[in-house]
C-alpha atoms as a PDB file:
ATOM      1  CA  MET A   1      -0.012  -0.114  -0.018  1.00  0.00           C
ATOM      2  CA  THR A   2       1.271   3.499  -0.752  1.00  0.00           C
ATOM      3  CA  LEU A   3       0.073   6.820   0.541  1.00  0.00           C
ATOM      4  CA  PHE A   4      -0.249   9.711  -1.649  1.00  0.00           C
ATOM      5  CA  PRO A   5      -0.383  13.014   0.307  1.00  0.00           C
ATOM      6  CA  ARG A   6      -2.324  15.656  -1.186  1.00  0.00           C
ATOM      7  CA  ARG A   7      -2.440  19.376  -0.689  1.00  0.00           C
ATOM      8  CA  SER A   8      -5.286  19.196   1.758  1.00  0.00           C
ATOM      9  CA  ALA A   9      -5.565  16.775   4.763  1.00  0.00           C
ATOM     10  CA  TYR A  10      -7.029  14.078   2.671  1.00  0.00           C
ATOM     11  CA  VAL A  11      -4.861  11.000   2.108  1.00  0.00           C
ATOM     12  CA  HIS A  12      -5.794   8.333  -0.817  1.00  0.00           C
ATOM     13  CA  ILE A  13      -4.092   4.884  -0.715  1.00  0.00           C
ATOM     14  CA  VAL A  14      -2.775   3.614  -4.086  1.00  0.00           C
ATOM     15  CA  THR A  15      -2.171  -0.001  -5.086  1.00  0.00           C
ATOM     16  CA  VAL A  16      -1.748  -2.140  -8.077  1.00  0.00           C
ATOM     17  CA  GLU A  17      -5.316  -3.039  -7.709  1.00  0.00           C
ATOM     18  CA  THR A  18      -6.199   0.922  -7.842  1.00  0.00           C
ATOM     19  CA  PHE A  19      -5.262   0.669 -11.592  1.00  0.00           C
ATOM     20  CA  LYS A  20      -7.185  -2.750 -12.366  1.00  0.00           C
ATOM     21  CA  PRO A  21      -9.139  -1.127 -15.144  1.00  0.00           C
ATOM     22  CA  GLU A  22      -5.889   0.057 -16.770  1.00  0.00           C
ATOM     23  CA  ILE A  23      -4.278  -3.174 -16.677  1.00  0.00           C
ATOM     24  CA  SER A  24      -7.526  -4.896 -18.056  1.00  0.00           C
ATOM     25  CA  GLU A  25      -7.553  -2.456 -21.039  1.00  0.00           C
ATOM     26  CA  ALA A  26      -3.627  -2.977 -21.663  1.00  0.00           C
ATOM     27  CA  MET A  27      -3.945  -6.507 -21.611  1.00  0.00           C
ATOM     28  CA  ALA A  28      -6.783  -6.544 -24.107  1.00  0.00           C
ATOM     29  CA  ALA A  29      -4.824  -4.116 -26.412  1.00  0.00           C
ATOM     30  CA  TYR A  30      -1.853  -6.362 -25.985  1.00  0.00           C
ATOM     31  CA  ASP A  31      -3.683  -9.442 -26.750  1.00  0.00           C
ATOM     32  CA  ARG A  32      -5.498  -7.778 -29.933  1.00  0.00           C
ATOM     33  CA  TYR A  33      -2.767  -5.718 -31.429  1.00  0.00           C
ATOM     34  CA  VAL A  34       0.921  -6.269 -30.178  1.00  0.00           C
ATOM     35  CA  VAL A  35       2.810  -8.940 -31.684  1.00  0.00           C
ATOM     36  CA  CYS A  36       5.613  -9.867 -29.235  1.00  0.00           C
ATOM     37  CA  ILE A  37       7.846 -12.825 -29.311  1.00  0.00           C
ATOM     38  CA  ASP A  38       9.590 -12.271 -26.142  1.00  0.00           C
ATOM     39  CA  LYS A  39       6.626 -12.286 -23.944  1.00  0.00           C
ATOM     40  CA  THR A  40       3.235 -14.135 -23.514  1.00  0.00           C
ATOM     41  CA  PRO A  41       0.291 -12.684 -22.313  1.00  0.00           C
ATOM     42  CA  ASP A  42       0.805 -13.925 -18.886  1.00  0.00           C
ATOM     43  CA  GLU A  43       4.535 -12.792 -18.808  1.00  0.00           C
ATOM     44  CA  PHE A  44       3.160  -9.412 -20.236  1.00  0.00           C
ATOM     45  CA  GLN A  45       0.594  -9.255 -17.207  1.00  0.00           C
ATOM     46  CA  ALA A  46       3.527 -10.152 -14.607  1.00  0.00           C
ATOM     47  CA  SER A  47       5.696  -7.357 -16.240  1.00  0.00           C
ATOM     48  CA  LEU A  48       3.110  -4.676 -16.510  1.00  0.00           C
ATOM     49  CA  GLN A  49       2.039  -5.204 -12.544  1.00  0.00           C
ATOM     50  CA  SER A  50       5.961  -5.099 -11.778  1.00  0.00           C
ATOM     51  CA  LEU A  51       6.211  -1.910 -13.913  1.00  0.00           C
ATOM     52  CA  LEU A  52       2.973  -0.351 -11.957  1.00  0.00           C
ATOM     53  CA  LYS A  53       4.457  -1.116  -8.487  1.00  0.00           C
ATOM     54  CA  LYS A  54       7.802   0.669  -9.824  1.00  0.00           C
ATOM     55  CA  ALA A  55       5.573   3.649 -10.978  1.00  0.00           C
ATOM     56  CA  ILE A  56       3.713   3.850  -7.807  1.00  0.00           C
ATOM     57  CA  LYS A  57       7.285   3.737  -6.001  1.00  0.00           C
ATOM     58  CA  ALA A  58       8.509   6.489  -8.268  1.00  0.00           C
ATOM     59  CA  TYR A  59       5.373   8.584  -7.833  1.00  0.00           C
ATOM     60  CA  GLU A  60       5.417   8.345  -4.132  1.00  0.00           C
ATOM     61  CA  THR A  61       8.982   9.301  -3.748  1.00  0.00           C
ATOM     62  CA  ARG A  62       8.984  12.129  -6.604  1.00  0.00           C
ATOM     63  CA  GLY A  63      10.202  15.668  -5.574  1.00  0.00           C
ATOM     64  CA  PRO A  64       7.958  18.336  -4.367  1.00  0.00           C
ATOM     65  CA  GLU A  65       7.684  19.850  -8.050  1.00  0.00           C
ATOM     66  CA  LEU A  66       7.450  16.756  -9.792  1.00  0.00           C
ATOM     67  CA  ARG A  67       4.107  15.366 -11.080  1.00  0.00           C
ATOM     68  CA  HIS A  68       5.017  11.778 -12.552  1.00  0.00           C
ATOM     69  CA  GLY A  69       6.057   8.554 -11.571  1.00  0.00           C
ATOM     70  CA  ILE A  70       7.475   6.542 -14.673  1.00  0.00           C
ATOM     71  CA  ALA A  71       8.549   2.997 -14.889  1.00  0.00           C
ATOM     72  CA  LEU A  72       9.401   1.369 -17.999  1.00  0.00           C
ATOM     73  CA  ASP A  73      11.183  -1.754 -19.744  1.00  0.00           C
ATOM     74  CA  LYS A  74      11.811  -2.361 -23.721  1.00  0.00           C
ATOM     75  CA  TYR A  75       8.349  -2.895 -24.623  1.00  0.00           C
ATOM     76  CA  VAL A  76       6.148  -0.898 -22.030  1.00  0.00           C
ATOM     77  CA  THR A  77       6.201   2.440 -20.403  1.00  0.00           C
ATOM     78  CA  VAL A  78       3.855   3.009 -17.341  1.00  0.00           C
ATOM     79  CA  ILE A  79       3.223   6.596 -16.306  1.00  0.00           C
ATOM     80  CA  LEU A  80       1.395   7.980 -13.090  1.00  0.00           C
ATOM     81  CA  SER A  81       0.389  11.509 -13.247  1.00  0.00           C
ATOM     82  CA  GLN A  82      -0.886  13.600 -10.690  1.00  0.00           C
ATOM     83  CA  ASN A  83      -4.157  15.647 -11.317  1.00  0.00           C
ATOM     84  CA  ASP A  84      -6.809  17.306  -9.267  1.00  0.00           C
ATOM     85  CA  ASN A  85      -8.222  14.116  -7.923  1.00  0.00           C
ATOM     86  CA  PRO A  86      -7.049  11.740  -5.069  1.00  0.00           C
ATOM     87  CA  ARG A  87      -6.183   8.868  -7.802  1.00  0.00           C
ATOM     88  CA  PRO A  88      -3.434   9.669 -10.347  1.00  0.00           C
ATOM     89  CA  PHE A  89      -3.853   9.059 -13.883  1.00  0.00           C
ATOM     90  CA  CYS A  90      -2.473   6.092 -15.394  1.00  0.00           C
ATOM     91  CA  GLY A  91      -1.037   5.572 -18.674  1.00  0.00           C
ATOM     92  CA  VAL A  92       0.107   2.511 -20.180  1.00  0.00           C
ATOM     93  CA  TYR A  93       2.166   2.890 -23.591  1.00  0.00           C
ATOM     94  CA  PHE A  94       3.525   0.463 -25.945  1.00  0.00           C
ATOM     95  CA  ASN A  95       7.069   0.948 -27.033  1.00  0.00           C
ATOM     96  CA  LEU A  96       7.111   0.499 -30.798  1.00  0.00           C
ATOM     97  CA  HIS A  97       9.975  -1.839 -31.878  1.00  0.00           C
ATOM     98  CA  SER A  98      10.970  -3.941 -35.013  1.00  0.00           C
ATOM     99  CA  PRO A  99      13.211  -6.737 -35.388  1.00  0.00           C
ATOM    100  CA  TYR A 100      13.664  -5.730 -38.899  1.00  0.00           C
ATOM    101  CA  GLN A 101      14.910  -2.269 -37.824  1.00  0.00           C
ATOM    102  CA  LYS A 102      18.595  -1.629 -38.720  1.00  0.00           C
ATOM    103  CA  ALA A 103      20.736  -1.467 -35.812  1.00  0.00           C
ATOM    104  CA  ALA A 104      22.839   1.879 -35.616  1.00  0.00           C
ATOM    105  CA  SER A 105      25.978   1.796 -36.825  1.00  0.00           C
ATOM    106  CA  CYS A 106      28.548   1.821 -33.834  1.00  0.00           C
ATOM    107  CA  ARG A 107      31.745   2.690 -35.832  1.00  0.00           C
ATOM    108  CA  PRO A 108      33.097   6.289 -35.808  1.00  0.00           C
ATOM    109  CA  SER A 109      33.073   7.816 -39.391  1.00  0.00           C
ATOM    110  CA  LYS A 110      36.087   8.508 -40.876  1.00  0.00           C
ATOM    111  CA  ALA A 111      37.151  12.297 -41.104  1.00  0.00           C
ATOM    112  CA  LYS A 112      36.935  13.906 -44.299  1.00  0.00           C
ATOM    113  CA  LYS A 113      39.175  16.515 -45.721  1.00  0.00           C
ATOM    114  CA  GLU A 114      37.497  19.735 -46.151  1.00  0.00           C
ATOM    115  CA  ILE A 115      38.357  22.024 -49.063  1.00  0.00           C
ATOM    116  CA  ILE A 116      38.485  25.529 -48.509  1.00  0.00           C
ATOM    117  CA  GLY A 117      38.491  28.071 -51.260  1.00  0.00           C
ATOM    118  CA  GLY A 118      40.125  27.291 -54.408  1.00  0.00           C
ATOM    119  CA  GLU A 119      42.448  24.546 -52.831  1.00  0.00           C
ATOM    120  CA  GLY A 120      42.171  21.179 -53.801  1.00  0.00           C
END
């Protein structure tokens, strides 16, 4: 359980269960739209719950001027955002990735001779 102090004397308890509707919606989107060779739907759900716990922890320990708690892995980003209600907004974002995407070149490029004026 996590307690989120508000500006008033009211305190709201936030847990992974608080965001059950968002988890269900993300699971449905994952089943329907996401092709992921690395994770089964059950592994995705476990990963999502773990990320949500981390986002709650980040939200709980954020600085006084910060409004978000964020947790992410290679495939999913979870963001909790402060708003005017006791319950923070919860966003679940799928990180787009293609196994066919070319890897960036890690080798440094060779220096090219620059021609100045009429020199050649």
